[in-house]
């Protein structure tokens, strides 16, 4: 299992000017938040680069938060 100290991760994120998320592949903690943030940022960037998409007659879809997925059983991560 590879772990990164929180302070080290935060420092790296700060240096790269990116958002820091503390997550666990083993338990799933924080994973939903990280992916939802990423999806929103992608959507925002796509719409900023393609303003015509904002004017579309097609229904706009948004990222919907359903809350954390239930953790069922062992994931096999070590």
PDB file of N, CA and C in Angstrom:
ATOM      1  N   UNK A   1       0.854  -1.180   0.000  1.00  0.00           N
ATOM      2  CA  UNK A   1       0.000   0.000   0.000  1.00  0.00           C
ATOM      3  C   UNK A   1       0.896   1.238   0.000  1.00  0.00           C
ATOM      4  N   UNK A   2       0.568   2.173  -0.864  1.00  0.00           N
ATOM      5  CA  UNK A   2       1.342   3.397  -0.954  1.00  0.00           C
ATOM      6  C   UNK A   2       0.522   4.533  -0.369  1.00  0.00           C
ATOM      7  N   UNK A   3       1.091   5.196   0.589  1.00  0.00           N
ATOM      8  CA  UNK A   3       0.423   6.328   1.209  1.00  0.00           C
ATOM      9  C   UNK A   3       1.270   7.578   1.047  1.00  0.00           C
ATOM     10  N   UNK A   4       0.600   8.689   0.873  1.00  0.00           N
ATOM     11  CA  UNK A   4       1.277   9.977   0.789  1.00  0.00           C
ATOM     12  C   UNK A   4       0.798  10.812   1.965  1.00  0.00           C
ATOM     13  N   UNK A   5       1.724  11.418   2.675  1.00  0.00           N
ATOM     14  CA  UNK A   5       1.342  12.267   3.794  1.00  0.00           C
ATOM     15  C   UNK A   5       0.509  13.434   3.279  1.00  0.00           C
ATOM     16  N   UNK A   6      -0.521  13.774   4.052  1.00  0.00           N
ATOM     17  CA  UNK A   6      -1.434  14.851   3.660  1.00  0.00           C
ATOM     18  C   UNK A   6      -0.681  16.140   3.359  1.00  0.00           C
ATOM     19  N   UNK A   7       0.213  16.520   4.231  1.00  0.00           N
ATOM     20  CA  UNK A   7       0.953  17.773   4.041  1.00  0.00           C
ATOM     21  C   UNK A   7       1.756  17.761   2.741  1.00  0.00           C
ATOM     22  N   UNK A   8       2.337  16.604   2.407  1.00  0.00           N
ATOM     23  CA  UNK A   8       3.099  16.496   1.167  1.00  0.00           C
ATOM     24  C   UNK A   8       2.192  16.636  -0.051  1.00  0.00           C
ATOM     25  N   UNK A   9       1.028  15.999   0.001  1.00  0.00           N
ATOM     26  CA  UNK A   9       0.067  16.098  -1.091  1.00  0.00           C
ATOM     27  C   UNK A   9      -0.451  17.508  -1.273  1.00  0.00           C
ATOM     28  N   UNK A  10      -0.746  18.158  -0.151  1.00  0.00           N
ATOM     29  CA  UNK A  10      -1.226  19.540  -0.206  1.00  0.00           C
ATOM     30  C   UNK A  10      -0.152  20.467  -0.763  1.00  0.00           C
ATOM     31  N   UNK A  11       1.076  20.261  -0.369  1.00  0.00           N
ATOM     32  CA  UNK A  11       2.178  21.098  -0.863  1.00  0.00           C
ATOM     33  C   UNK A  11       2.351  20.920  -2.367  1.00  0.00           C
ATOM     34  N   UNK A  12       2.295  19.669  -2.837  1.00  0.00           N
ATOM     35  CA  UNK A  12       2.433  19.405  -4.273  1.00  0.00           C
ATOM     36  C   UNK A  12       1.283  20.051  -5.047  1.00  0.00           C
ATOM     37  N   UNK A  13       0.069  19.898  -4.551  1.00  0.00           N
ATOM     38  CA  UNK A  13      -1.098  20.489  -5.218  1.00  0.00           C
ATOM     39  C   UNK A  13      -0.958  22.007  -5.277  1.00  0.00           C
ATOM     40  N   UNK A  14      -0.492  22.599  -4.210  1.00  0.00           N
ATOM     41  CA  UNK A  14      -0.303  24.048  -4.160  1.00  0.00           C
ATOM     42  C   UNK A  14       0.749  24.492  -5.188  1.00  0.00           C
ATOM     43  N   UNK A  15       1.844  23.747  -5.270  1.00  0.00           N
ATOM     44  CA  UNK A  15       2.900  24.068  -6.245  1.00  0.00           C
ATOM     45  C   UNK A  15       2.378  23.984  -7.682  1.00  0.00           C
ATOM     46  N   UNK A  16       1.504  23.026  -7.939  1.00  0.00           N
ATOM     47  CA  UNK A  16       0.970  22.809  -9.286  1.00  0.00           C
ATOM     48  C   UNK A  16      -0.278  23.648  -9.553  1.00  0.00           C
ATOM     49  N   UNK A  17      -0.716  24.372  -8.530  1.00  0.00           N
ATOM     50  CA  UNK A  17      -1.917  25.205  -8.622  1.00  0.00           C
ATOM     51  C   UNK A  17      -3.156  24.367  -8.985  1.00  0.00           C
ATOM     52  N   UNK A  18      -3.299  23.230  -8.285  1.00  0.00           N
ATOM     53  CA  UNK A  18      -4.432  22.344  -8.488  1.00  0.00           C
ATOM     54  C   UNK A  18      -5.108  22.069  -7.148  1.00  0.00           C
ATOM     55  N   UNK A  19      -6.333  21.612  -7.209  1.00  0.00           N
ATOM     56  CA  UNK A  19      -7.094  21.309  -5.997  1.00  0.00           C
ATOM     57  C   UNK A  19      -6.609  19.991  -5.412  1.00  0.00           C
ATOM     58  N   UNK A  20      -6.562  19.922  -4.105  1.00  0.00           N
ATOM     59  CA  UNK A  20      -6.108  18.724  -3.402  1.00  0.00           C
ATOM     60  C   UNK A  20      -7.307  17.984  -2.831  1.00  0.00           C
ATOM     61  N   UNK A  21      -7.356  16.687  -3.064  1.00  0.00           N
ATOM     62  CA  UNK A  21      -8.372  15.824  -2.475  1.00  0.00           C
ATOM     63  C   UNK A  21      -7.680  14.682  -1.760  1.00  0.00           C
ATOM     64  N   UNK A  22      -8.085  14.420  -0.550  1.00  0.00           N
ATOM     65  CA  UNK A  22      -7.576  13.256   0.161  1.00  0.00           C
ATOM     66  C   UNK A  22      -8.576  12.130  -0.096  1.00  0.00           C
ATOM     67  N   UNK A  23      -8.112  11.048  -0.720  1.00  0.00           N
ATOM     68  CA  UNK A  23      -9.000   9.949  -1.102  1.00  0.00           C
ATOM     69  C   UNK A  23      -8.411   8.611  -0.678  1.00  0.00           C
ATOM     70  N   UNK A  24      -9.257   7.601  -0.698  1.00  0.00           N
ATOM     71  CA  UNK A  24      -8.808   6.244  -0.423  1.00  0.00           C
ATOM     72  C   UNK A  24      -9.432   5.296  -1.438  1.00  0.00           C
ATOM     73  N   UNK A  25      -8.587   4.609  -2.194  1.00  0.00           N
ATOM     74  CA  UNK A  25      -9.084   3.603  -3.131  1.00  0.00           C
ATOM     75  C   UNK A  25      -9.612   2.393  -2.365  1.00  0.00           C
ATOM     76  N   UNK A  26      -9.092   2.191  -1.194  1.00  0.00           N
ATOM     77  CA  UNK A  26      -9.498   1.027  -0.403  1.00  0.00           C
ATOM     78  C   UNK A  26     -10.893   1.200   0.176  1.00  0.00           C
ATOM     79  N   UNK A  27     -11.175   2.369   0.740  1.00  0.00           N
ATOM     80  CA  UNK A  27     -12.473   2.576   1.399  1.00  0.00           C
ATOM     81  C   UNK A  27     -13.429   3.412   0.563  1.00  0.00           C
ATOM     82  N   UNK A  28     -12.906   4.107  -0.444  1.00  0.00           N
ATOM     83  CA  UNK A  28     -13.748   4.957  -1.274  1.00  0.00           C
ATOM     84  C   UNK A  28     -13.938   6.360  -0.726  1.00  0.00           C
ATOM     85  N   UNK A  29     -13.370   6.648   0.426  1.00  0.00           N
ATOM     86  CA  UNK A  29     -13.527   7.962   1.043  1.00  0.00           C
ATOM     87  C   UNK A  29     -12.951   9.040   0.130  1.00  0.00           C
ATOM     88  N   UNK A  30     -13.751  10.051  -0.158  1.00  0.00           N
ATOM     89  CA  UNK A  30     -13.303  11.198  -0.927  1.00  0.00           C
ATOM     90  C   UNK A  30     -13.286  11.006  -2.434  1.00  0.00           C
ATOM     91  N   UNK A  31     -13.470   9.779  -2.907  1.00  0.00           N
ATOM     92  CA  UNK A  31     -13.392   9.510  -4.344  1.00  0.00           C
ATOM     93  C   UNK A  31     -14.537  10.194  -5.082  1.00  0.00           C
ATOM     94  N   UNK A  32     -15.764  10.098  -4.560  1.00  0.00           N
ATOM     95  CA  UNK A  32     -16.914  10.742  -5.207  1.00  0.00           C
ATOM     96  C   UNK A  32     -16.694  12.246  -5.329  1.00  0.00           C
ATOM     97  N   UNK A  33     -16.220  12.864  -4.263  1.00  0.00           N
ATOM     98  CA  UNK A  33     -15.980  14.309  -4.292  1.00  0.00           C
ATOM     99  C   UNK A  33     -14.974  14.684  -5.369  1.00  0.00           C
ATOM    100  N   UNK A  34     -13.898  13.910  -5.474  1.00  0.00           N
ATOM    101  CA  UNK A  34     -12.862  14.203  -6.467  1.00  0.00           C
ATOM    102  C   UNK A  34     -13.408  14.074  -7.887  1.00  0.00           C
ATOM    103  N   UNK A  35     -14.165  13.013  -8.157  1.00  0.00           N
ATOM    104  CA  UNK A  35     -14.698  12.815  -9.505  1.00  0.00           C
ATOM    105  C   UNK A  35     -15.783  13.834  -9.847  1.00  0.00           C
ATOM    106  N   UNK A  36     -16.631  14.185  -8.889  1.00  0.00           N
ATOM    107  CA  UNK A  36     -17.659  15.195  -9.150  1.00  0.00           C
ATOM    108  C   UNK A  36     -17.020  16.548  -9.449  1.00  0.00           C
ATOM    109  N   UNK A  37     -15.989  16.905  -8.690  1.00  0.00           N
ATOM    110  CA  UNK A  37     -15.282  18.158  -8.939  1.00  0.00           C
ATOM    111  C   UNK A  37     -14.682  18.150 -10.345  1.00  0.00           C
ATOM    112  N   UNK A  38     -14.027  17.044 -10.696  1.00  0.00           N
ATOM    113  CA  UNK A  38     -13.399  16.931 -12.003  1.00  0.00           C
ATOM    114  C   UNK A  38     -14.440  17.033 -13.120  1.00  0.00           C
ATOM    115  N   UNK A  39     -15.571  16.370 -12.968  1.00  0.00           N
ATOM    116  CA  UNK A  39     -16.625  16.424 -13.990  1.00  0.00           C
ATOM    117  C   UNK A  39     -17.147  17.848 -14.158  1.00  0.00           C
ATOM    118  N   UNK A  40     -17.347  18.546 -13.068  1.00  0.00           N
ATOM    119  CA  UNK A  40     -17.827  19.938 -13.153  1.00  0.00           C
ATOM    120  C   UNK A  40     -16.807  20.834 -13.844  1.00  0.00           C
ATOM    121  N   UNK A  41     -15.527  20.641 -13.522  1.00  0.00           N
ATOM    122  CA  UNK A  41     -14.484  21.451 -14.143  1.00  0.00           C
ATOM    123  C   UNK A  41     -14.389  21.170 -15.639  1.00  0.00           C
ATOM    124  N   UNK A  42     -14.511  19.918 -16.028  1.00  0.00           N
ATOM    125  CA  UNK A  42     -14.485  19.578 -17.456  1.00  0.00           C
ATOM    126  C   UNK A  42     -15.654  20.241 -18.160  1.00  0.00           C
ATOM    127  N   UNK A  43     -16.849  20.128 -17.581  1.00  0.00           N
ATOM    128  CA  UNK A  43     -18.036  20.740 -18.182  1.00  0.00           C
ATOM    129  C   UNK A  43     -17.840  22.246 -18.327  1.00  0.00           C
ATOM    130  N   UNK A  44     -17.355  22.881 -17.274  1.00  0.00           N
ATOM    131  CA  UNK A  44     -17.135  24.327 -17.305  1.00  0.00           C
ATOM    132  C   UNK A  44     -16.139  24.698 -18.407  1.00  0.00           C
ATOM    133  N   UNK A  45     -15.050  23.961 -18.508  1.00  0.00           N
ATOM    134  CA  UNK A  45     -14.031  24.245 -19.522  1.00  0.00           C
ATOM    135  C   UNK A  45     -14.559  24.025 -20.932  1.00  0.00           C
ATOM    136  N   UNK A  46     -15.339  22.978 -21.136  1.00  0.00           N
ATOM    137  CA  UNK A  46     -15.911  22.709 -22.461  1.00  0.00           C
ATOM    138  C   UNK A  46     -16.855  23.835 -22.850  1.00  0.00           C
ATOM    139  N   UNK A  47     -17.712  24.258 -21.926  1.00  0.00           N
ATOM    140  CA  UNK A  47     -18.657  25.328 -22.227  1.00  0.00           C
ATOM    141  C   UNK A  47     -17.940  26.662 -22.438  1.00  0.00           C
ATOM    142  N   UNK A  48     -16.868  26.913 -21.703  1.00  0.00           N
ATOM    143  CA  UNK A  48     -16.103  28.147 -21.894  1.00  0.00           C
ATOM    144  C   UNK A  48     -15.449  28.190 -23.278  1.00  0.00           C
ATOM    145  N   UNK A  49     -14.996  27.033 -23.762  1.00  0.00           N
ATOM    146  CA  UNK A  49     -14.326  26.975 -25.064  1.00  0.00           C
ATOM    147  C   UNK A  49     -15.314  26.877 -26.221  1.00  0.00           C
ATOM    148  N   UNK A  50     -16.544  26.490 -25.935  1.00  0.00           N
ATOM    149  CA  UNK A  50     -17.570  26.312 -26.961  1.00  0.00           C
ATOM    150  C   UNK A  50     -18.847  27.028 -26.544  1.00  0.00           C
ATOM    151  N   UNK A  51     -18.858  28.354 -26.593  1.00  0.00           N
ATOM    152  CA  UNK A  51     -20.027  29.106 -26.102  1.00  0.00           C
ATOM    153  C   UNK A  51     -21.321  28.760 -26.819  1.00  0.00           C
ATOM    154  N   UNK A  52     -21.240  28.252 -28.063  1.00  0.00           N
ATOM    155  CA  UNK A  52     -22.453  27.883 -28.788  1.00  0.00           C
ATOM    156  C   UNK A  52     -23.200  26.740 -28.113  1.00  0.00           C
ATOM    157  N   UNK A  53     -22.484  25.915 -27.362  1.00  0.00           N
ATOM    158  CA  UNK A  53     -23.144  24.822 -26.655  1.00  0.00           C
ATOM    159  C   UNK A  53     -24.113  25.348 -25.594  1.00  0.00           C
ATOM    160  N   UNK A  54     -23.816  26.518 -25.041  1.00  0.00           N
ATOM    161  CA  UNK A  54     -24.689  27.109 -24.024  1.00  0.00           C
ATOM    162  C   UNK A  54     -26.029  27.524 -24.629  1.00  0.00           C
ATOM    163  N   UNK A  55     -26.028  27.858 -25.933  1.00  0.00           N
ATOM    164  CA  UNK A  55     -27.229  28.352 -26.595  1.00  0.00           C
ATOM    165  C   UNK A  55     -28.059  27.229 -27.198  1.00  0.00           C
ATOM    166  N   UNK A  56     -27.617  26.014 -27.047  1.00  0.00           N
ATOM    167  CA  UNK A  56     -28.273  24.871 -27.671  1.00  0.00           C
ATOM    168  C   UNK A  56     -29.704  24.705 -27.165  1.00  0.00           C
ATOM    169  N   UNK A  57     -30.572  24.220 -28.046  1.00  0.00           N
ATOM    170  CA  UNK A  57     -31.948  23.922 -27.660  1.00  0.00           C
ATOM    171  C   UNK A  57     -32.055  22.596 -26.917  1.00  0.00           C
ATOM    172  N   UNK A  58     -30.992  21.808 -26.986  1.00  0.00           N
ATOM    173  CA  UNK A  58     -31.040  20.524 -26.289  1.00  0.00           C
ATOM    174  C   UNK A  58     -30.979  20.758 -24.788  1.00  0.00           C
ATOM    175  N   UNK A  59     -31.621  19.869 -24.023  1.00  0.00           N
ATOM    176  CA  UNK A  59     -31.624  20.048 -22.561  1.00  0.00           C
ATOM    177  C   UNK A  59     -30.207  19.990 -22.001  1.00  0.00           C
ATOM    178  N   UNK A  60     -29.935  20.867 -21.092  1.00  0.00           N
ATOM    179  CA  UNK A  60     -28.629  20.879 -20.438  1.00  0.00           C
ATOM    180  C   UNK A  60     -28.591  19.798 -19.371  1.00  0.00           C
ATOM    181  N   UNK A  61     -27.506  19.096 -19.354  1.00  0.00           N
ATOM    182  CA  UNK A  61     -27.336  18.068 -18.327  1.00  0.00           C
ATOM    183  C   UNK A  61     -26.302  18.578 -17.332  1.00  0.00           C
ATOM    184  N   UNK A  62     -26.541  18.251 -16.102  1.00  0.00           N
ATOM    185  CA  UNK A  62     -25.628  18.666 -15.053  1.00  0.00           C
ATOM    186  C   UNK A  62     -25.202  17.438 -14.266  1.00  0.00           C
ATOM    187  N   UNK A  63     -24.090  17.563 -13.578  1.00  0.00           N
ATOM    188  CA  UNK A  63     -23.641  16.504 -12.694  1.00  0.00           C
ATOM    189  C   UNK A  63     -24.564  16.505 -11.486  1.00  0.00           C
ATOM    190  N   UNK A  64     -25.111  15.365 -11.183  1.00  0.00           N
ATOM    191  CA  UNK A  64     -26.051  15.250 -10.075  1.00  0.00           C
ATOM    192  C   UNK A  64     -25.367  14.535  -8.937  1.00  0.00           C
ATOM    193  N   UNK A  65     -25.505  15.082  -7.762  1.00  0.00           N
ATOM    194  CA  UNK A  65     -24.924  14.435  -6.596  1.00  0.00           C
ATOM    195  C   UNK A  65     -25.934  13.489  -5.984  1.00  0.00           C
ATOM    196  N   UNK A  66     -25.563  12.229  -5.906  1.00  0.00           N
ATOM    197  CA  UNK A  66     -26.414  11.232  -5.283  1.00  0.00           C
ATOM    198  C   UNK A  66     -25.913  10.854  -3.904  1.00  0.00           C
ATOM    199  N   UNK A  67     -24.826  11.424  -3.495  1.00  0.00           N
ATOM    200  CA  UNK A  67     -24.223  11.044  -2.224  1.00  0.00           C
ATOM    201  C   UNK A  67     -23.225   9.923  -2.448  1.00  0.00           C
ATOM    202  N   UNK A  68     -22.515   9.563  -1.405  1.00  0.00           N
ATOM    203  CA  UNK A  68     -21.487   8.541  -1.562  1.00  0.00           C
ATOM    204  C   UNK A  68     -22.101   7.180  -1.889  1.00  0.00           C
ATOM    205  N   UNK A  69     -21.404   6.444  -2.746  1.00  0.00           N
ATOM    206  CA  UNK A  69     -21.844   5.094  -3.067  1.00  0.00           C
ATOM    207  C   UNK A  69     -21.626   4.195  -1.858  1.00  0.00           C
ATOM    208  N   UNK A  70     -22.535   3.280  -1.629  1.00  0.00           N
ATOM    209  CA  UNK A  70     -22.353   2.389  -0.471  1.00  0.00           C
ATOM    210  C   UNK A  70     -21.163   1.472  -0.703  1.00  0.00           C
ATOM    211  N   UNK A  71     -20.403   1.244   0.326  1.00  0.00           N
ATOM    212  CA  UNK A  71     -19.251   0.359   0.251  1.00  0.00           C
ATOM    213  C   UNK A  71     -19.736  -1.038   0.603  1.00  0.00           C
ATOM    214  N   UNK A  72     -19.553  -1.961  -0.333  1.00  0.00           N
ATOM    215  CA  UNK A  72     -20.025  -3.319  -0.123  1.00  0.00           C
ATOM    216  C   UNK A  72     -18.849  -4.272  -0.226  1.00  0.00           C
ATOM    217  N   UNK A  73     -18.559  -4.962   0.862  1.00  0.00           N
ATOM    218  CA  UNK A  73     -17.547  -5.993   0.835  1.00  0.00           C
ATOM    219  C   UNK A  73     -16.132  -5.471   0.689  1.00  0.00           C
ATOM    220  N   UNK A  74     -15.231  -6.390   0.451  1.00  0.00           N
ATOM    221  CA  UNK A  74     -13.817  -6.082   0.336  1.00  0.00           C
ATOM    222  C   UNK A  74     -13.479  -5.790  -1.114  1.00  0.00           C
ATOM    223  N   UNK A  75     -12.714  -4.737  -1.348  1.00  0.00           N
ATOM    224  CA  UNK A  75     -12.409  -4.353  -2.726  1.00  0.00           C
ATOM    225  C   UNK A  75     -11.157  -5.032  -3.260  1.00  0.00           C
ATOM    226  N   UNK A  76     -10.390  -5.657  -2.426  1.00  0.00           N
ATOM    227  CA  UNK A  76      -9.179  -6.316  -2.888  1.00  0.00           C
ATOM    228  C   UNK A  76      -7.950  -5.425  -2.877  1.00  0.00           C
ATOM    229  N   UNK A  77      -8.114  -4.178  -2.468  1.00  0.00           N
ATOM    230  CA  UNK A  77      -6.961  -3.275  -2.383  1.00  0.00           C
ATOM    231  C   UNK A  77      -6.146  -3.631  -1.156  1.00  0.00           C
ATOM    232  N   UNK A  78      -4.870  -3.428  -1.253  1.00  0.00           N
ATOM    233  CA  UNK A  78      -4.053  -3.718  -0.070  1.00  0.00           C
ATOM    234  C   UNK A  78      -3.222  -2.526   0.291  1.00  0.00           C
TER     235      UNK A  78
END
